[in-house]
Amino acid sequence: FFVAPRKEFADEEEDHSELIDTSSKKSLKLRNNEVQPMGKSFADMSGSRDPNNLNSHCQVEFDDIIGEPGEPLTPEFCWNCSRKCYTITQRFLYIILVVIFSPFIAFFTGCAFACVAFQQIWCIGPCLRCWKINLATVRNFWWGFLLACCGPCAEVLGLYFSKIKVRYQKLPDSDSTDESVAAGYFNI
């Protein structure tokens, strides 16, 4: 909860510019009797433009791409130079590609998703609803047909198979050579 000055004491000379959010211990400022967070939020500080982690699999930092085991080791100056070359080249080329291609890709992607949304909302959705309504009638006819035609057969088969009795009995030993025991065992 936020601690805020009460209206009846607004004429007193107290400094209410620094307030504390007791739930997160984050410093807050009071401007025009509104509590506002001071500084940037975590998303602003991290610079992340992927709040839903759509591209968390795309890790392209130097340490994510190049790793060196314990032995043999690249000389330190060469490793640092390679890291700087990779980082500068990757960022510079990424910026160039984004500046050149991102407006066109954004335009065509926006058009594609607008078409997909239109298709889902105005074409496929109503067709599926119409299909469900029509199939409800077909389902009722089919259910009646199954009950009228297949129901009696299923009922007769159910009565027939309900009369089967299963008897559990130990199997004869396999070393027994007496065929009469085996033949008598399988008699129905």
N, C-alpha and C. Protein backbone atom coordinates (compact mmCIF):
# COMPACT_ATOMS: atom_id res chain seq x y z
N PHE A 1 0.84 -1.18 0.00
CA PHE A 1 0.00 0.00 0.00
C PHE A 1 0.88 1.23 0.00
N PHE A 2 0.33 2.34 -0.46
CA PHE A 2 1.10 3.57 -0.58
C PHE A 2 0.74 4.51 0.55
N VAL A 3 1.74 5.18 1.10
CA VAL A 3 1.51 6.17 2.14
C VAL A 3 1.37 7.51 1.44
N ALA A 4 0.26 8.19 1.65
CA ALA A 4 0.03 9.48 0.99
C ALA A 4 -0.45 10.48 2.02
N PRO A 5 -0.20 11.78 1.78
CA PRO A 5 -0.65 12.80 2.74
C PRO A 5 -2.17 12.92 2.70
N ARG A 6 -2.76 13.19 3.85
CA ARG A 6 -4.19 13.38 3.92
C ARG A 6 -4.52 14.81 3.50
N LYS A 7 -5.71 15.02 2.99
CA LYS A 7 -6.12 16.33 2.46
C LYS A 7 -6.19 17.40 3.55
N GLU A 8 -6.62 17.05 4.77
CA GLU A 8 -6.81 18.08 5.79
C GLU A 8 -5.49 18.66 6.29
N PHE A 9 -4.38 17.96 6.07
CA PHE A 9 -3.09 18.47 6.51
C PHE A 9 -2.25 19.00 5.35
N ALA A 10 -2.87 19.32 4.23
CA ALA A 10 -2.13 19.77 3.06
C ALA A 10 -1.48 21.13 3.28
N ASP A 11 -2.03 21.97 4.20
CA ASP A 11 -1.47 23.30 4.41
C ASP A 11 -0.25 23.29 5.32
N GLU A 12 0.04 22.17 5.98
CA GLU A 12 1.21 22.10 6.85
C GLU A 12 2.48 22.06 6.00
N GLU A 13 3.60 22.37 6.61
CA GLU A 13 4.87 22.46 5.92
C GLU A 13 5.64 21.14 5.93
N GLU A 14 4.99 20.03 5.75
CA GLU A 14 5.68 18.75 5.73
C GLU A 14 6.12 18.43 4.31
N ASP A 15 7.26 17.74 4.21
CA ASP A 15 7.79 17.35 2.91
C ASP A 15 7.31 15.94 2.58
N HIS A 16 6.38 15.85 1.62
CA HIS A 16 5.84 14.57 1.20
C HIS A 16 6.37 14.18 -0.18
N SER A 17 7.49 14.71 -0.58
CA SER A 17 7.99 14.41 -1.91
C SER A 17 8.54 12.99 -2.00
N GLU A 18 9.08 12.44 -0.92
CA GLU A 18 9.59 11.07 -0.93
C GLU A 18 8.61 10.18 -0.17
N LEU A 19 8.06 9.23 -0.82
CA LEU A 19 7.16 8.26 -0.20
C LEU A 19 7.73 6.87 -0.43
N ILE A 20 7.26 5.92 0.36
CA ILE A 20 7.78 4.57 0.23
C ILE A 20 6.62 3.62 0.01
N ASP A 21 6.74 2.78 -1.01
CA ASP A 21 5.80 1.71 -1.26
C ASP A 21 6.21 0.56 -0.36
N THR A 22 5.39 0.25 0.64
CA THR A 22 5.79 -0.75 1.63
C THR A 22 5.72 -2.16 1.06
N SER A 23 5.02 -2.37 -0.06
CA SER A 23 4.95 -3.72 -0.61
C SER A 23 6.20 -4.06 -1.40
N SER A 24 6.79 -3.11 -2.10
CA SER A 24 7.97 -3.43 -2.89
C SER A 24 9.20 -2.64 -2.48
N LYS A 25 9.08 -1.75 -1.51
CA LYS A 25 10.18 -0.93 -1.02
C LYS A 25 10.81 -0.09 -2.13
N LYS A 26 10.02 0.30 -3.10
CA LYS A 26 10.51 1.12 -4.20
C LYS A 26 10.22 2.57 -3.88
N SER A 27 11.15 3.44 -4.14
CA SER A 27 10.99 4.85 -3.85
C SER A 27 9.98 5.47 -4.81
N LEU A 28 9.10 6.32 -4.29
CA LEU A 28 8.06 6.94 -5.09
C LEU A 28 8.09 8.44 -4.92
N LYS A 29 7.60 9.17 -5.92
CA LYS A 29 7.48 10.62 -5.84
C LYS A 29 6.01 10.99 -5.94
N LEU A 30 5.65 12.04 -5.25
CA LEU A 30 4.28 12.53 -5.29
C LEU A 30 4.26 13.77 -6.17
N ARG A 31 3.47 13.71 -7.26
CA ARG A 31 3.32 14.85 -8.14
C ARG A 31 1.83 15.11 -8.30
N ASN A 32 1.40 16.31 -7.99
CA ASN A 32 -0.01 16.70 -8.12
C ASN A 32 -0.93 15.70 -7.41
N ASN A 33 -0.55 15.35 -6.18
CA ASN A 33 -1.30 14.41 -5.34
C ASN A 33 -1.48 13.04 -5.99
N GLU A 34 -0.58 12.65 -6.90
CA GLU A 34 -0.61 11.33 -7.50
C GLU A 34 0.72 10.65 -7.19
N VAL A 35 0.64 9.40 -6.84
CA VAL A 35 1.85 8.64 -6.55
C VAL A 35 2.38 8.08 -7.86
N GLN A 36 3.65 8.36 -8.17
CA GLN A 36 4.27 7.87 -9.39
C GLN A 36 5.62 7.26 -9.06
N PRO A 37 5.98 6.18 -9.72
CA PRO A 37 7.27 5.57 -9.43
C PRO A 37 8.41 6.47 -9.89
N MET A 38 9.49 6.44 -9.13
CA MET A 38 10.68 7.20 -9.50
C MET A 38 11.55 6.35 -10.40
N GLY A 39 12.17 6.95 -11.36
CA GLY A 39 13.11 6.25 -12.22
C GLY A 39 12.39 5.38 -13.22
N LYS A 40 13.16 4.51 -13.83
CA LYS A 40 12.63 3.65 -14.88
C LYS A 40 12.18 2.31 -14.30
N SER A 41 11.25 1.67 -15.00
CA SER A 41 10.83 0.34 -14.58
C SER A 41 11.88 -0.67 -15.00
N PHE A 42 11.70 -1.92 -14.59
CA PHE A 42 12.67 -2.96 -14.92
C PHE A 42 12.75 -3.16 -16.43
N ALA A 43 11.58 -3.13 -17.10
CA ALA A 43 11.59 -3.32 -18.55
C ALA A 43 12.32 -2.18 -19.24
N ASP A 44 12.17 -0.96 -18.72
CA ASP A 44 12.87 0.17 -19.31
C ASP A 44 14.37 0.07 -19.07
N MET A 45 14.77 -0.38 -17.88
CA MET A 45 16.19 -0.44 -17.56
C MET A 45 16.89 -1.56 -18.33
N SER A 46 16.21 -2.67 -18.54
CA SER A 46 16.85 -3.77 -19.24
C SER A 46 16.88 -3.53 -20.74
N GLY A 47 16.06 -2.64 -21.26
CA GLY A 47 16.03 -2.36 -22.68
C GLY A 47 15.35 -3.47 -23.47
N SER A 48 14.61 -4.33 -22.83
CA SER A 48 13.97 -5.45 -23.50
C SER A 48 12.76 -4.97 -24.29
N ARG A 49 12.72 -5.34 -25.53
CA ARG A 49 11.55 -5.06 -26.35
C ARG A 49 10.81 -6.36 -26.64
N ASP A 50 11.09 -7.36 -25.84
CA ASP A 50 10.47 -8.67 -25.97
C ASP A 50 9.87 -9.08 -24.62
N PRO A 51 8.82 -8.37 -24.17
CA PRO A 51 8.28 -8.65 -22.83
C PRO A 51 7.66 -10.04 -22.71
N ASN A 52 7.25 -10.65 -23.81
CA ASN A 52 6.64 -11.98 -23.75
C ASN A 52 7.64 -13.10 -24.04
N ASN A 53 8.91 -12.76 -24.13
CA ASN A 53 9.99 -13.73 -24.39
C ASN A 53 9.72 -14.57 -25.64
N LEU A 54 9.35 -13.90 -26.72
CA LEU A 54 9.11 -14.60 -27.98
C LEU A 54 10.41 -15.12 -28.58
N ASN A 55 11.50 -14.41 -28.33
CA ASN A 55 12.78 -14.78 -28.93
C ASN A 55 13.83 -15.10 -27.88
N SER A 56 13.42 -15.77 -26.82
CA SER A 56 14.39 -16.12 -25.78
C SER A 56 15.38 -17.16 -26.28
N HIS A 57 15.03 -17.89 -27.32
CA HIS A 57 15.93 -18.89 -27.88
C HIS A 57 17.04 -18.27 -28.72
N CYS A 58 16.88 -17.01 -29.09
CA CYS A 58 17.82 -16.34 -29.99
C CYS A 58 18.89 -15.63 -29.16
N GLN A 59 19.87 -16.37 -28.71
CA GLN A 59 20.95 -15.81 -27.92
C GLN A 59 22.17 -15.69 -28.83
N VAL A 60 22.57 -14.46 -29.13
CA VAL A 60 23.63 -14.24 -30.10
C VAL A 60 24.79 -13.44 -29.54
N GLU A 61 24.91 -13.38 -28.23
CA GLU A 61 26.08 -12.72 -27.64
C GLU A 61 27.30 -13.60 -27.87
N PHE A 62 28.47 -13.00 -27.77
CA PHE A 62 29.73 -13.71 -28.04
C PHE A 62 29.86 -14.96 -27.18
N ASP A 63 29.56 -14.84 -25.90
CA ASP A 63 29.70 -15.98 -24.99
C ASP A 63 28.66 -17.06 -25.25
N ASP A 64 27.54 -16.71 -25.90
CA ASP A 64 26.54 -17.70 -26.25
C ASP A 64 26.93 -18.49 -27.49
N ILE A 65 27.79 -17.91 -28.33
CA ILE A 65 28.17 -18.53 -29.60
C ILE A 65 29.53 -19.22 -29.50
N ILE A 66 30.50 -18.54 -28.92
CA ILE A 66 31.88 -19.03 -28.88
C ILE A 66 32.21 -19.40 -27.44
N GLY A 67 32.65 -20.60 -27.24
CA GLY A 67 33.08 -21.04 -25.92
C GLY A 67 34.36 -21.85 -26.07
N GLU A 68 35.25 -21.68 -25.15
CA GLU A 68 36.55 -22.34 -25.24
C GLU A 68 36.74 -23.22 -24.01
N PRO A 69 37.14 -24.47 -24.21
CA PRO A 69 37.38 -25.32 -23.04
C PRO A 69 38.61 -24.87 -22.27
N GLY A 70 38.93 -25.57 -21.21
CA GLY A 70 40.06 -25.20 -20.35
C GLY A 70 41.39 -25.17 -21.08
N GLU A 71 41.65 -26.13 -21.92
CA GLU A 71 42.90 -26.20 -22.68
C GLU A 71 42.56 -26.52 -24.11
N PRO A 72 43.23 -26.05 -25.09
CA PRO A 72 44.19 -24.95 -25.12
C PRO A 72 43.47 -23.63 -25.05
N LEU A 73 44.12 -22.62 -24.58
CA LEU A 73 43.53 -21.29 -24.43
C LEU A 73 44.08 -20.35 -25.49
N THR A 74 43.17 -19.53 -26.02
CA THR A 74 43.57 -18.46 -26.93
C THR A 74 44.23 -17.38 -26.09
N PRO A 75 45.28 -16.74 -26.61
CA PRO A 75 45.88 -15.64 -25.84
C PRO A 75 44.82 -14.58 -25.51
N GLU A 76 44.96 -13.95 -24.36
CA GLU A 76 43.96 -13.02 -23.84
C GLU A 76 43.70 -11.86 -24.79
N PHE A 77 44.75 -11.28 -25.37
CA PHE A 77 44.56 -10.14 -26.27
C PHE A 77 43.79 -10.57 -27.51
N CYS A 78 44.05 -11.78 -28.01
CA CYS A 78 43.34 -12.28 -29.19
C CYS A 78 41.87 -12.55 -28.86
N TRP A 79 41.61 -13.12 -27.67
CA TRP A 79 40.24 -13.39 -27.23
C TRP A 79 39.45 -12.09 -27.11
N ASN A 80 40.03 -11.08 -26.48
CA ASN A 80 39.35 -9.79 -26.32
C ASN A 80 39.14 -9.11 -27.66
N CYS A 81 40.14 -9.19 -28.54
CA CYS A 81 40.00 -8.60 -29.88
C CYS A 81 38.88 -9.31 -30.65
N SER A 82 38.83 -10.63 -30.56
CA SER A 82 37.78 -11.40 -31.24
C SER A 82 36.41 -11.04 -30.70
N ARG A 83 36.31 -10.90 -29.39
CA ARG A 83 35.04 -10.52 -28.77
C ARG A 83 34.59 -9.15 -29.28
N LYS A 84 35.50 -8.18 -29.32
CA LYS A 84 35.14 -6.84 -29.78
C LYS A 84 34.77 -6.85 -31.25
N CYS A 85 35.53 -7.57 -32.08
CA CYS A 85 35.21 -7.65 -33.51
C CYS A 85 33.83 -8.27 -33.72
N TYR A 86 33.57 -9.36 -33.02
CA TYR A 86 32.27 -10.03 -33.15
C TYR A 86 31.14 -9.09 -32.73
N THR A 87 31.29 -8.48 -31.57
CA THR A 87 30.23 -7.63 -31.02
C THR A 87 29.97 -6.43 -31.91
N ILE A 88 31.02 -5.75 -32.34
CA ILE A 88 30.85 -4.55 -33.18
C ILE A 88 30.25 -4.93 -34.53
N THR A 89 30.77 -5.99 -35.15
CA THR A 89 30.25 -6.41 -36.46
C THR A 89 28.80 -6.85 -36.35
N GLN A 90 28.51 -7.65 -35.33
CA GLN A 90 27.14 -8.15 -35.17
C GLN A 90 26.16 -7.00 -34.94
N ARG A 91 26.49 -6.09 -34.08
CA ARG A 91 25.58 -4.98 -33.79
C ARG A 91 25.44 -4.04 -34.97
N PHE A 92 26.55 -3.72 -35.63
CA PHE A 92 26.52 -2.80 -36.77
C PHE A 92 25.69 -3.40 -37.91
N LEU A 93 25.97 -4.66 -38.26
CA LEU A 93 25.22 -5.29 -39.34
C LEU A 93 23.75 -5.46 -38.97
N TYR A 94 23.47 -5.78 -37.72
CA TYR A 94 22.08 -5.91 -37.28
C TYR A 94 21.34 -4.59 -37.45
N ILE A 95 21.98 -3.50 -37.04
CA ILE A 95 21.36 -2.18 -37.17
C ILE A 95 21.10 -1.85 -38.63
N ILE A 96 22.07 -2.12 -39.50
CA ILE A 96 21.90 -1.83 -40.92
C ILE A 96 20.74 -2.65 -41.49
N LEU A 97 20.72 -3.95 -41.18
CA LEU A 97 19.64 -4.81 -41.69
C LEU A 97 18.28 -4.38 -41.16
N VAL A 98 18.22 -4.02 -39.89
CA VAL A 98 16.95 -3.58 -39.30
C VAL A 98 16.48 -2.29 -39.95
N VAL A 99 17.37 -1.35 -40.14
CA VAL A 99 16.99 -0.07 -40.74
C VAL A 99 16.50 -0.27 -42.17
N ILE A 100 17.15 -1.15 -42.91
CA ILE A 100 16.77 -1.35 -44.31
C ILE A 100 15.51 -2.19 -44.44
N PHE A 101 15.43 -3.31 -43.73
CA PHE A 101 14.37 -4.27 -44.00
C PHE A 101 13.19 -4.25 -43.03
N SER A 102 13.36 -3.77 -41.81
CA SER A 102 12.27 -3.88 -40.84
C SER A 102 11.00 -3.14 -41.23
N PRO A 103 11.07 -1.95 -41.84
CA PRO A 103 9.79 -1.32 -42.23
C PRO A 103 9.01 -2.16 -43.24
N PHE A 104 9.71 -2.75 -44.22
CA PHE A 104 9.03 -3.56 -45.22
C PHE A 104 8.49 -4.86 -44.60
N ILE A 105 9.31 -5.48 -43.77
CA ILE A 105 8.86 -6.71 -43.12
C ILE A 105 7.69 -6.42 -42.19
N ALA A 106 7.76 -5.32 -41.46
CA ALA A 106 6.65 -4.95 -40.57
C ALA A 106 5.39 -4.68 -41.38
N PHE A 107 5.52 -4.01 -42.52
CA PHE A 107 4.37 -3.72 -43.37
C PHE A 107 3.73 -5.01 -43.86
N PHE A 108 4.54 -5.90 -44.44
CA PHE A 108 3.99 -7.14 -44.99
C PHE A 108 3.49 -8.08 -43.89
N THR A 109 4.17 -8.11 -42.76
CA THR A 109 3.70 -8.93 -41.65
C THR A 109 2.38 -8.39 -41.11
N GLY A 110 2.28 -7.07 -41.00
CA GLY A 110 1.02 -6.47 -40.56
C GLY A 110 -0.11 -6.80 -41.52
N CYS A 111 0.16 -6.72 -42.83
CA CYS A 111 -0.86 -7.08 -43.82
C CYS A 111 -1.25 -8.55 -43.70
N ALA A 112 -0.25 -9.43 -43.52
CA ALA A 112 -0.53 -10.86 -43.43
C ALA A 112 -1.38 -11.17 -42.21
N PHE A 113 -1.03 -10.58 -41.05
CA PHE A 113 -1.80 -10.86 -39.85
C PHE A 113 -3.16 -10.18 -39.88
N ALA A 114 -3.28 -9.07 -40.57
CA ALA A 114 -4.60 -8.46 -40.75
C ALA A 114 -5.49 -9.38 -41.58
N CYS A 115 -4.91 -9.98 -42.63
CA CYS A 115 -5.68 -10.92 -43.45
C CYS A 115 -6.07 -12.17 -42.66
N VAL A 116 -5.13 -12.67 -41.85
CA VAL A 116 -5.44 -13.85 -41.03
C VAL A 116 -6.54 -13.53 -40.03
N ALA A 117 -6.44 -12.36 -39.39
CA ALA A 117 -7.47 -11.97 -38.42
C ALA A 117 -8.82 -11.80 -39.10
N PHE A 118 -8.83 -11.14 -40.27
CA PHE A 118 -10.07 -10.97 -41.02
C PHE A 118 -10.66 -12.33 -41.39
N GLN A 119 -9.80 -13.21 -41.87
CA GLN A 119 -10.26 -14.54 -42.28
C GLN A 119 -10.85 -15.30 -41.10
N GLN A 120 -10.19 -15.26 -39.95
CA GLN A 120 -10.68 -15.97 -38.77
C GLN A 120 -11.99 -15.38 -38.26
N ILE A 121 -12.05 -14.04 -38.19
CA ILE A 121 -13.20 -13.38 -37.59
C ILE A 121 -14.41 -13.38 -38.51
N TRP A 122 -14.21 -13.06 -39.78
CA TRP A 122 -15.34 -12.84 -40.66
C TRP A 122 -15.66 -14.01 -41.59
N CYS A 123 -14.73 -14.92 -41.81
CA CYS A 123 -14.98 -16.04 -42.73
C CYS A 123 -15.08 -17.37 -42.00
N ILE A 124 -14.01 -17.77 -41.36
CA ILE A 124 -13.96 -19.10 -40.76
C ILE A 124 -14.88 -19.21 -39.54
N GLY A 125 -14.88 -18.19 -38.68
CA GLY A 125 -15.72 -18.22 -37.49
C GLY A 125 -17.20 -18.41 -37.80
N PRO A 126 -17.79 -17.57 -38.67
CA PRO A 126 -19.21 -17.78 -39.01
C PRO A 126 -19.47 -19.10 -39.73
N CYS A 127 -18.53 -19.53 -40.59
CA CYS A 127 -18.72 -20.83 -41.26
C CYS A 127 -18.72 -21.97 -40.26
N LEU A 128 -17.81 -21.93 -39.29
CA LEU A 128 -17.79 -22.97 -38.27
C LEU A 128 -19.06 -22.96 -37.43
N ARG A 129 -19.54 -21.78 -37.12
CA ARG A 129 -20.78 -21.68 -36.34
C ARG A 129 -21.95 -22.25 -37.12
N CYS A 130 -22.04 -21.93 -38.41
CA CYS A 130 -23.09 -22.47 -39.27
C CYS A 130 -22.97 -23.99 -39.37
N TRP A 131 -21.75 -24.47 -39.51
CA TRP A 131 -21.49 -25.90 -39.59
C TRP A 131 -21.95 -26.61 -38.31
N LYS A 132 -21.63 -26.02 -37.15
CA LYS A 132 -22.05 -26.61 -35.87
C LYS A 132 -23.56 -26.66 -35.75
N ILE A 133 -24.23 -25.61 -36.18
CA ILE A 133 -25.70 -25.57 -36.11
C ILE A 133 -26.29 -26.66 -36.99
N ASN A 134 -25.78 -26.77 -38.23
CA ASN A 134 -26.30 -27.79 -39.14
C ASN A 134 -25.97 -29.20 -38.67
N LEU A 135 -24.79 -29.39 -38.11
CA LEU A 135 -24.42 -30.73 -37.65
C LEU A 135 -25.20 -31.15 -36.42
N ALA A 136 -25.73 -30.20 -35.66
CA ALA A 136 -26.56 -30.57 -34.51
C ALA A 136 -27.81 -31.30 -34.99
N THR A 137 -28.39 -30.86 -36.10
CA THR A 137 -29.55 -31.54 -36.66
C THR A 137 -29.17 -32.91 -37.20
N VAL A 138 -28.04 -32.97 -37.91
CA VAL A 138 -27.56 -34.26 -38.43
C VAL A 138 -27.29 -35.23 -37.28
N ARG A 139 -26.71 -34.71 -36.19
CA ARG A 139 -26.42 -35.56 -35.03
C ARG A 139 -27.71 -36.15 -34.46
N ASN A 140 -28.77 -35.35 -34.39
CA ASN A 140 -30.04 -35.86 -33.86
C ASN A 140 -30.61 -36.96 -34.76
N PHE A 141 -30.56 -36.78 -36.09
CA PHE A 141 -31.02 -37.82 -37.01
C PHE A 141 -30.16 -39.08 -36.88
N TRP A 142 -28.85 -38.91 -36.82
CA TRP A 142 -27.93 -40.03 -36.72
C TRP A 142 -28.16 -40.80 -35.41
N TRP A 143 -28.35 -40.08 -34.32
CA TRP A 143 -28.58 -40.72 -33.02
C TRP A 143 -29.88 -41.54 -33.06
N GLY A 144 -30.91 -40.98 -33.66
CA GLY A 144 -32.18 -41.72 -33.80
C GLY A 144 -32.01 -42.96 -34.67
N PHE A 145 -31.26 -42.84 -35.76
CA PHE A 145 -31.00 -43.98 -36.64
C PHE A 145 -30.25 -45.08 -35.90
N LEU A 146 -29.22 -44.70 -35.15
CA LEU A 146 -28.45 -45.70 -34.41
C LEU A 146 -29.30 -46.39 -33.36
N LEU A 147 -30.13 -45.62 -32.66
CA LEU A 147 -31.00 -46.23 -31.65
C LEU A 147 -32.02 -47.17 -32.28
N ALA A 148 -32.56 -46.80 -33.46
CA ALA A 148 -33.59 -47.62 -34.10
C ALA A 148 -33.02 -48.85 -34.78
N CYS A 149 -31.89 -48.70 -35.47
CA CYS A 149 -31.35 -49.82 -36.25
C CYS A 149 -30.32 -50.65 -35.50
N CYS A 150 -29.40 -49.99 -34.87
CA CYS A 150 -28.30 -50.71 -34.22
C CYS A 150 -28.60 -51.03 -32.76
N GLY A 151 -29.52 -50.31 -32.16
CA GLY A 151 -29.84 -50.53 -30.75
C GLY A 151 -30.31 -51.94 -30.45
N PRO A 152 -31.29 -52.47 -31.21
CA PRO A 152 -31.73 -53.84 -30.92
C PRO A 152 -30.62 -54.88 -31.09
N CYS A 153 -29.79 -54.71 -32.13
CA CYS A 153 -28.68 -55.65 -32.34
C CYS A 153 -27.69 -55.58 -31.18
N ALA A 154 -27.37 -54.38 -30.75
CA ALA A 154 -26.44 -54.22 -29.63
C ALA A 154 -27.03 -54.79 -28.36
N GLU A 155 -28.35 -54.65 -28.19
CA GLU A 155 -29.00 -55.18 -27.00
C GLU A 155 -28.96 -56.71 -27.00
N VAL A 156 -29.21 -57.32 -28.16
CA VAL A 156 -29.16 -58.78 -28.27
C VAL A 156 -27.75 -59.28 -28.02
N LEU A 157 -26.76 -58.62 -28.61
CA LEU A 157 -25.37 -59.03 -28.39
C LEU A 157 -24.98 -58.85 -26.93
N GLY A 158 -25.45 -57.81 -26.31
CA GLY A 158 -25.16 -57.60 -24.89
C GLY A 158 -25.74 -58.70 -24.03
N LEU A 159 -27.00 -59.11 -24.32
CA LEU A 159 -27.61 -60.22 -23.58
C LEU A 159 -26.86 -61.52 -23.83
N TYR A 160 -26.46 -61.73 -25.09
CA TYR A 160 -25.75 -62.96 -25.44
C TYR A 160 -24.42 -63.04 -24.70
N PHE A 161 -23.64 -61.97 -24.74
CA PHE A 161 -22.32 -61.99 -24.10
C PHE A 161 -22.41 -61.88 -22.58
N SER A 162 -23.53 -61.44 -22.06
CA SER A 162 -23.65 -61.37 -20.61
C SER A 162 -23.81 -62.75 -19.98
N LYS A 163 -24.18 -63.75 -20.78
CA LYS A 163 -24.36 -65.11 -20.28
C LYS A 163 -23.04 -65.89 -20.24
N ILE A 164 -21.98 -65.34 -20.76
CA ILE A 164 -20.69 -66.03 -20.75
C ILE A 164 -20.13 -66.00 -19.34
N LYS A 165 -19.69 -67.16 -18.91
CA LYS A 165 -19.08 -67.26 -17.58
C LYS A 165 -17.62 -67.60 -17.77
N VAL A 166 -16.78 -66.94 -17.05
CA VAL A 166 -15.35 -67.17 -17.12
C VAL A 166 -14.94 -67.92 -15.87
N ARG A 167 -14.24 -69.03 -16.07
CA ARG A 167 -13.79 -69.85 -14.95
C ARG A 167 -12.26 -69.79 -14.92
N TYR A 168 -11.74 -69.43 -13.78
CA TYR A 168 -10.29 -69.36 -13.60
C TYR A 168 -9.80 -70.68 -13.03
N GLN A 169 -8.74 -71.21 -13.63
CA GLN A 169 -8.22 -72.49 -13.20
C GLN A 169 -6.73 -72.51 -13.47
N LYS A 170 -5.99 -73.19 -12.65
CA LYS A 170 -4.55 -73.27 -12.81
C LYS A 170 -4.23 -74.15 -14.01
N LEU A 171 -3.26 -73.71 -14.84
CA LEU A 171 -2.84 -74.48 -16.00
C LEU A 171 -2.03 -75.68 -15.55
N PRO A 172 -2.12 -76.78 -16.31
CA PRO A 172 -1.32 -77.96 -15.95
C PRO A 172 0.17 -77.68 -16.16
N ASP A 173 1.01 -78.40 -15.45
CA ASP A 173 2.46 -78.23 -15.59
C ASP A 173 2.88 -78.62 -16.99
N SER A 174 3.90 -77.96 -17.50
CA SER A 174 4.35 -78.22 -18.86
C SER A 174 5.12 -79.53 -18.99
N ASP A 175 5.66 -80.07 -17.90
CA ASP A 175 6.42 -81.31 -17.98
C ASP A 175 5.50 -82.53 -17.99
N SER A 176 4.21 -82.33 -17.83
CA SER A 176 3.25 -83.43 -17.86
C SER A 176 3.07 -83.89 -19.29
N THR A 177 3.19 -85.18 -19.54
CA THR A 177 3.06 -85.72 -20.90
C THR A 177 1.71 -86.38 -21.11
N ASP A 178 0.89 -86.35 -20.11
CA ASP A 178 -0.42 -86.98 -20.20
C ASP A 178 -1.32 -86.11 -21.06
N GLU A 179 -1.62 -86.57 -22.28
CA GLU A 179 -2.42 -85.78 -23.21
C GLU A 179 -3.88 -85.74 -22.81
N SER A 180 -4.31 -86.69 -22.05
CA SER A 180 -5.70 -86.70 -21.64
C SER A 180 -6.00 -85.55 -20.68
N VAL A 181 -5.01 -85.19 -19.85
CA VAL A 181 -5.21 -84.06 -18.94
C VAL A 181 -5.31 -82.78 -19.74
N ALA A 182 -4.40 -82.62 -20.70
CA ALA A 182 -4.41 -81.41 -21.52
C ALA A 182 -5.66 -81.35 -22.38
N ALA A 183 -6.08 -82.50 -22.93
CA ALA A 183 -7.27 -82.51 -23.77
C ALA A 183 -8.51 -82.21 -22.94
N GLY A 184 -8.57 -82.72 -21.71
CA GLY A 184 -9.71 -82.47 -20.85
C GLY A 184 -9.74 -81.05 -20.34
N TYR A 185 -8.59 -80.44 -20.26
CA TYR A 185 -8.52 -79.07 -19.76
C TYR A 185 -9.17 -78.09 -20.72
N PHE A 186 -8.99 -78.35 -22.02
CA PHE A 186 -9.49 -77.41 -23.01
C PHE A 186 -10.89 -77.76 -23.50
N ASN A 187 -11.53 -78.73 -22.93
CA ASN A 187 -12.90 -79.04 -23.31
C ASN A 187 -13.83 -77.95 -22.82
N ILE A 188 -14.78 -77.65 -23.64
CA ILE A 188 -15.73 -76.61 -23.29
C ILE A 188 -17.04 -77.25 -22.90
